[in-house]
Amino acid sequence: MCPHQPQCPSFDAPDRDAATILAAHPVQGWSLLCNGVIVFEDTGELLPDGRCVDPCRPEPAHAAA
């Protein structure tokens, strides 16, 4: 259970990335959030229930012809 006030969003909430960082490992490219989510620097996520969230990558810009 989250000790923060207001409480951090749960791992299944749409705003789960707003949870407090408990452990940051920038050299390795990941951080552990209070709600158990591991976020990666490429925006991918690993949820506590084992599900993976793919990185959010922008569509490539196409050169004008």
PDB file of N, CA and C in Angstrom:
ATOM      1  N   MET A   1       0.842  -1.183   0.000  1.00  0.00           N
ATOM      2  CA  MET A   1       0.000   0.000   0.000  1.00  0.00           C
ATOM      3  C   MET A   1       0.885   1.242   0.000  1.00  0.00           C
ATOM      4  N   CYS A   2       0.492   2.234  -0.735  1.00  0.00           N
ATOM      5  CA  CYS A   2       1.264   3.463  -0.893  1.00  0.00           C
ATOM      6  C   CYS A   2       1.178   4.326   0.363  1.00  0.00           C
ATOM      7  N   PRO A   3       2.333   4.754   0.900  1.00  0.00           N
ATOM      8  CA  PRO A   3       2.331   5.601   2.096  1.00  0.00           C
ATOM      9  C   PRO A   3       2.202   7.092   1.785  1.00  0.00           C
ATOM     10  N   HIS A   4       2.194   7.465   0.511  1.00  0.00           N
ATOM     11  CA  HIS A   4       2.169   8.880   0.144  1.00  0.00           C
ATOM     12  C   HIS A   4       0.772   9.484   0.252  1.00  0.00           C
ATOM     13  N   GLN A   5       0.738  10.793   0.517  1.00  0.00           N
ATOM     14  CA  GLN A   5      -0.523  11.527   0.551  1.00  0.00           C
ATOM     15  C   GLN A   5      -0.423  12.690  -0.418  1.00  0.00           C
ATOM     16  N   PRO A   6      -1.258  12.806  -1.418  1.00  0.00           N
ATOM     17  CA  PRO A   6      -2.279  11.828  -1.783  1.00  0.00           C
ATOM     18  C   PRO A   6      -1.619  10.550  -2.290  1.00  0.00           C
ATOM     19  N   GLN A   7      -2.368   9.488  -2.226  1.00  0.00           N
ATOM     20  CA  GLN A   7      -1.865   8.174  -2.599  1.00  0.00           C
ATOM     21  C   GLN A   7      -1.523   8.113  -4.087  1.00  0.00           C
ATOM     22  N   CYS A   8      -0.447   7.414  -4.414  1.00  0.00           N
ATOM     23  CA  CYS A   8      -0.030   7.250  -5.812  1.00  0.00           C
ATOM     24  C   CYS A   8      -1.080   6.439  -6.575  1.00  0.00           C
ATOM     25  N   PRO A   9      -1.198   6.689  -7.887  1.00  0.00           N
ATOM     26  CA  PRO A   9      -2.134   5.894  -8.693  1.00  0.00           C
ATOM     27  C   PRO A   9      -1.717   4.427  -8.714  1.00  0.00           C
ATOM     28  N   SER A  10      -2.683   3.540  -8.786  1.00  0.00           N
ATOM     29  CA  SER A  10      -2.388   2.107  -8.829  1.00  0.00           C
ATOM     30  C   SER A  10      -1.782   1.747 -10.181  1.00  0.00           C
ATOM     31  N   PHE A  11      -1.202   0.549 -10.266  1.00  0.00           N
ATOM     32  CA  PHE A  11      -0.523   0.142 -11.495  1.00  0.00           C
ATOM     33  C   PHE A  11      -1.475  -0.018 -12.667  1.00  0.00           C
ATOM     34  N   ASP A  12      -2.773  -0.192 -12.418  1.00  0.00           N
ATOM     35  CA  ASP A  12      -3.716  -0.353 -13.523  1.00  0.00           C
ATOM     36  C   ASP A  12      -4.468   0.936 -13.860  1.00  0.00           C
ATOM     37  N   ALA A  13      -4.097   2.039 -13.208  1.00  0.00           N
ATOM     38  CA  ALA A  13      -4.726   3.337 -13.492  1.00  0.00           C
ATOM     39  C   ALA A  13      -4.097   3.945 -14.751  1.00  0.00           C
ATOM     40  N   PRO A  14      -4.857   4.738 -15.489  1.00  0.00           N
ATOM     41  CA  PRO A  14      -4.314   5.357 -16.703  1.00  0.00           C
ATOM     42  C   PRO A  14      -3.122   6.281 -16.420  1.00  0.00           C
ATOM     43  N   ASP A  15      -3.066   6.870 -15.229  1.00  0.00           N
ATOM     44  CA  ASP A  15      -1.977   7.786 -14.881  1.00  0.00           C
ATOM     45  C   ASP A  15      -0.923   7.130 -14.000  1.00  0.00           C
ATOM     46  N   ARG A  16      -0.723   5.820 -14.159  1.00  0.00           N
ATOM     47  CA  ARG A  16       0.199   5.055 -13.307  1.00  0.00           C
ATOM     48  C   ARG A  16       1.604   5.615 -13.292  1.00  0.00           C
ATOM     49  N   ASP A  17       2.038   6.299 -14.364  1.00  0.00           N
ATOM     50  CA  ASP A  17       3.389   6.851 -14.436  1.00  0.00           C
ATOM     51  C   ASP A  17       3.592   8.039 -13.496  1.00  0.00           C
ATOM     52  N   ALA A  18       2.523   8.548 -12.910  1.00  0.00           N
ATOM     53  CA  ALA A  18       2.621   9.672 -11.986  1.00  0.00           C
ATOM     54  C   ALA A  18       3.011   9.232 -10.574  1.00  0.00           C
ATOM     55  N   ALA A  19       3.160   7.940 -10.344  1.00  0.00           N
ATOM     56  CA  ALA A  19       3.550   7.436  -9.026  1.00  0.00           C
ATOM     57  C   ALA A  19       4.980   7.875  -8.695  1.00  0.00           C
ATOM     58  N   THR A  20       5.277   7.926  -7.421  1.00  0.00           N
ATOM     59  CA  THR A  20       6.594   8.346  -6.935  1.00  0.00           C
ATOM     60  C   THR A  20       7.668   7.310  -7.288  1.00  0.00           C
ATOM     61  N   ILE A  21       8.833   7.801  -7.679  1.00  0.00           N
ATOM     62  CA  ILE A  21       9.960   6.914  -7.981  1.00  0.00           C
ATOM     63  C   ILE A  21      10.583   6.454  -6.668  1.00  0.00           C
ATOM     64  N   LEU A  22      10.681   5.139  -6.490  1.00  0.00           N
ATOM     65  CA  LEU A  22      11.320   4.566  -5.301  1.00  0.00           C
ATOM     66  C   LEU A  22      12.793   4.281  -5.542  1.00  0.00           C
ATOM     67  N   ALA A  23      13.137   3.832  -6.732  1.00  0.00           N
ATOM     68  CA  ALA A  23      14.517   3.506  -7.072  1.00  0.00           C
ATOM     69  C   ALA A  23      14.761   3.880  -8.525  1.00  0.00           C
ATOM     70  N   ALA A  24      15.767   4.712  -8.753  1.00  0.00           N
ATOM     71  CA  ALA A  24      16.113   5.128 -10.114  1.00  0.00           C
ATOM     72  C   ALA A  24      17.467   4.541 -10.486  1.00  0.00           C
ATOM     73  N   HIS A  25      17.541   3.975 -11.667  1.00  0.00           N
ATOM     74  CA  HIS A  25      18.782   3.400 -12.183  1.00  0.00           C
ATOM     75  C   HIS A  25      19.001   3.938 -13.601  1.00  0.00           C
ATOM     76  N   PRO A  26      19.366   5.228 -13.725  1.00  0.00           N
ATOM     77  CA  PRO A  26      19.487   5.842 -15.051  1.00  0.00           C
ATOM     78  C   PRO A  26      20.563   5.211 -15.930  1.00  0.00           C
ATOM     79  N   VAL A  27      21.628   4.705 -15.329  1.00  0.00           N
ATOM     80  CA  VAL A  27      22.673   4.065 -16.128  1.00  0.00           C
ATOM     81  C   VAL A  27      22.129   2.813 -16.797  1.00  0.00           C
ATOM     82  N   GLN A  28      21.243   2.107 -16.109  1.00  0.00           N
ATOM     83  CA  GLN A  28      20.629   0.903 -16.662  1.00  0.00           C
ATOM     84  C   GLN A  28      19.359   1.208 -17.442  1.00  0.00           C
ATOM     85  N   GLY A  29      18.823   2.430 -17.306  1.00  0.00           N
ATOM     86  CA  GLY A  29      17.678   2.853 -18.105  1.00  0.00           C
ATOM     87  C   GLY A  29      16.321   2.489 -17.547  1.00  0.00           C
ATOM     88  N   TRP A  30      16.190   2.324 -16.223  1.00  0.00           N
ATOM     89  CA  TRP A  30      14.885   1.989 -15.661  1.00  0.00           C
ATOM     90  C   TRP A  30      14.719   2.590 -14.276  1.00  0.00           C
ATOM     91  N   SER A  31      13.443   2.702 -13.855  1.00  0.00           N
ATOM     92  CA  SER A  31      13.085   3.176 -12.515  1.00  0.00           C
ATOM     93  C   SER A  31      11.928   2.347 -11.988  1.00  0.00           C
ATOM     94  N   LEU A  32      11.917   2.156 -10.669  1.00  0.00           N
ATOM     95  CA  LEU A  32      10.826   1.454  -9.997  1.00  0.00           C
ATOM     96  C   LEU A  32       9.926   2.484  -9.340  1.00  0.00           C
ATOM     97  N   LEU A  33       8.636   2.414  -9.640  1.00  0.00           N
ATOM     98  CA  LEU A  33       7.663   3.340  -9.064  1.00  0.00           C
ATOM     99  C   LEU A  33       7.015   2.737  -7.826  1.00  0.00           C
ATOM    100  N   CYS A  34       6.408   3.581  -7.013  1.00  0.00           N
ATOM    101  CA  CYS A  34       5.761   3.180  -5.767  1.00  0.00           C
ATOM    102  C   CYS A  34       4.670   2.129  -5.982  1.00  0.00           C
ATOM    103  N   ASN A  35       4.025   2.170  -7.139  1.00  0.00           N
ATOM    104  CA  ASN A  35       2.939   1.239  -7.420  1.00  0.00           C
ATOM    105  C   ASN A  35       3.430  -0.088  -8.002  1.00  0.00           C
ATOM    106  N   GLY A  36       4.750  -0.295  -8.039  1.00  0.00           N
ATOM    107  CA  GLY A  36       5.306  -1.554  -8.512  1.00  0.00           C
ATOM    108  C   GLY A  36       5.619  -1.603  -9.997  1.00  0.00           C
ATOM    109  N   VAL A  37       5.349  -0.530 -10.715  1.00  0.00           N
ATOM    110  CA  VAL A  37       5.619  -0.467 -12.147  1.00  0.00           C
ATOM    111  C   VAL A  37       7.105  -0.176 -12.359  1.00  0.00           C
ATOM    112  N   ILE A  38       7.712  -0.887 -13.302  1.00  0.00           N
ATOM    113  CA  ILE A  38       9.070  -0.569 -13.724  1.00  0.00           C
ATOM    114  C   ILE A  38       8.942   0.153 -15.056  1.00  0.00           C
ATOM    115  N   VAL A  39       9.452   1.389 -15.104  1.00  0.00           N
ATOM    116  CA  VAL A  39       9.406   2.173 -16.335  1.00  0.00           C
ATOM    117  C   VAL A  39      10.805   2.233 -16.928  1.00  0.00           C
ATOM    118  N   PHE A  40      10.866   2.099 -18.245  1.00  0.00           N
ATOM    119  CA  PHE A  40      12.133   2.121 -18.959  1.00  0.00           C
ATOM    120  C   PHE A  40      12.282   3.436 -19.702  1.00  0.00           C
ATOM    121  N   GLU A  41      13.520   3.830 -19.962  1.00  0.00           N
ATOM    122  CA  GLU A  41      13.759   5.131 -20.588  1.00  0.00           C
ATOM    123  C   GLU A  41      13.179   5.217 -21.994  1.00  0.00           C
ATOM    124  N   ASP A  42      12.892   4.091 -22.638  1.00  0.00           N
ATOM    125  CA  ASP A  42      12.272   4.125 -23.966  1.00  0.00           C
ATOM    126  C   ASP A  42      10.748   4.206 -23.877  1.00  0.00           C
ATOM    127  N   THR A  43      10.212   4.430 -22.681  1.00  0.00           N
ATOM    128  CA  THR A  43       8.787   4.565 -22.328  1.00  0.00           C
ATOM    129  C   THR A  43       8.064   3.233 -22.219  1.00  0.00           C
ATOM    130  N   GLY A  44       8.757   2.122 -22.365  1.00  0.00           N
ATOM    131  CA  GLY A  44       8.132   0.825 -22.113  1.00  0.00           C
ATOM    132  C   GLY A  44       7.942   0.625 -20.615  1.00  0.00           C
ATOM    133  N   GLU A  45       7.072  -0.301 -20.248  1.00  0.00           N
ATOM    134  CA  GLU A  45       6.783  -0.547 -18.839  1.00  0.00           C
ATOM    135  C   GLU A  45       6.600  -2.039 -18.588  1.00  0.00           C
ATOM    136  N   LEU A  46       6.935  -2.444 -17.379  1.00  0.00           N
ATOM    137  CA  LEU A  46       6.658  -3.785 -16.896  1.00  0.00           C
ATOM    138  C   LEU A  46       5.765  -3.626 -15.680  1.00  0.00           C
ATOM    139  N   LEU A  47       4.550  -4.184 -15.753  1.00  0.00           N
ATOM    140  CA  LEU A  47       3.579  -4.044 -14.671  1.00  0.00           C
ATOM    141  C   LEU A  47       3.771  -5.161 -13.649  1.00  0.00           C
ATOM    142  N   PRO A  48       3.349  -4.932 -12.396  1.00  0.00           N
ATOM    143  CA  PRO A  48       3.542  -5.936 -11.349  1.00  0.00           C
ATOM    144  C   PRO A  48       2.838  -7.260 -11.616  1.00  0.00           C
ATOM    145  N   ASP A  49       1.816  -7.264 -12.461  1.00  0.00           N
ATOM    146  CA  ASP A  49       1.120  -8.514 -12.760  1.00  0.00           C
ATOM    147  C   ASP A  49       1.776  -9.271 -13.916  1.00  0.00           C
ATOM    148  N   GLY A  50       2.942  -8.779 -14.396  1.00  0.00           N
ATOM    149  CA  GLY A  50       3.693  -9.459 -15.436  1.00  0.00           C
ATOM    150  C   GLY A  50       3.437  -8.967 -16.848  1.00  0.00           C
ATOM    151  N   ARG A  51       2.442  -8.105 -17.026  1.00  0.00           N
ATOM    152  CA  ARG A  51       2.167  -7.588 -18.368  1.00  0.00           C
ATOM    153  C   ARG A  51       3.226  -6.569 -18.775  1.00  0.00           C
ATOM    154  N   CYS A  52       3.463  -6.490 -20.072  1.00  0.00           N
ATOM    155  CA  CYS A  52       4.388  -5.516 -20.640  1.00  0.00           C
ATOM    156  C   CYS A  52       3.596  -4.455 -21.388  1.00  0.00           C
ATOM    157  N   VAL A  53       4.057  -3.215 -21.295  1.00  0.00           N
ATOM    158  CA  VAL A  53       3.479  -2.118 -22.056  1.00  0.00           C
ATOM    159  C   VAL A  53       4.545  -1.691 -23.055  1.00  0.00           C
ATOM    160  N   ASP A  54       4.216  -1.754 -24.334  1.00  0.00           N
ATOM    161  CA  ASP A  54       5.170  -1.393 -25.379  1.00  0.00           C
ATOM    162  C   ASP A  54       5.543   0.081 -25.296  1.00  0.00           C
ATOM    163  N   PRO A  55       6.757   0.419 -25.730  1.00  0.00           N
ATOM    164  CA  PRO A  55       7.171   1.822 -25.763  1.00  0.00           C
ATOM    165  C   PRO A  55       6.275   2.634 -26.689  1.00  0.00           C
ATOM    166  N   CYS A  56       6.095   3.880 -26.366  1.00  0.00           N
ATOM    167  CA  CYS A  56       5.330   4.808 -27.213  1.00  0.00           C
ATOM    168  C   CYS A  56       6.325   5.508 -28.118  1.00  0.00           C
ATOM    169  N   ARG A  57       6.358   5.072 -29.343  1.00  0.00           N
ATOM    170  CA  ARG A  57       7.303   5.661 -30.288  1.00  0.00           C
ATOM    171  C   ARG A  57       6.527   6.446 -31.335  1.00  0.00           C
ATOM    172  N   PRO A  58       7.015   7.641 -31.661  1.00  0.00           N
ATOM    173  CA  PRO A  58       6.323   8.436 -32.682  1.00  0.00           C
ATOM    174  C   PRO A  58       6.434   7.780 -34.054  1.00  0.00           C
ATOM    175  N   GLU A  59       5.457   8.064 -34.891  1.00  0.00           N
ATOM    176  CA  GLU A  59       5.505   7.588 -36.255  1.00  0.00           C
ATOM    177  C   GLU A  59       6.647   8.306 -36.974  1.00  0.00           C
ATOM    178  N   PRO A  60       7.380   7.602 -37.827  1.00  0.00           N
ATOM    179  CA  PRO A  60       8.478   8.272 -38.533  1.00  0.00           C
ATOM    180  C   PRO A  60       7.938   9.334 -39.488  1.00  0.00           C
ATOM    181  N   ALA A  61       8.663  10.435 -39.549  1.00  0.00           N
ATOM    182  CA  ALA A  61       8.277  11.512 -40.460  1.00  0.00           C
ATOM    183  C   ALA A  61       8.669  11.104 -41.878  1.00  0.00           C
ATOM    184  N   HIS A  62       7.774  11.285 -42.824  1.00  0.00           N
ATOM    185  CA  HIS A  62       8.042  10.941 -44.210  1.00  0.00           C
ATOM    186  C   HIS A  62       8.478  12.195 -44.957  1.00  0.00           C
ATOM    187  N   ALA A  63       9.475  12.038 -45.775  1.00  0.00           N
ATOM    188  CA  ALA A  63       9.955  13.167 -46.566  1.00  0.00           C
ATOM    189  C   ALA A  63       8.914  13.540 -47.612  1.00  0.00           C
ATOM    190  N   ALA A  64       8.724  14.826 -47.786  1.00  0.00           N
ATOM    191  CA  ALA A  64       7.782  15.302 -48.806  1.00  0.00           C
ATOM    192  C   ALA A  64       8.341  14.990 -50.191  1.00  0.00           C
ATOM    193  N   ALA A  65       7.493  14.506 -51.068  1.00  0.00           N
ATOM    194  CA  ALA A  65       7.953  14.126 -52.404  1.00  0.00           C
ATOM    195  C   ALA A  65       7.859  15.270 -53.369  1.00  0.00           C
TER     196      ALA A  65
END
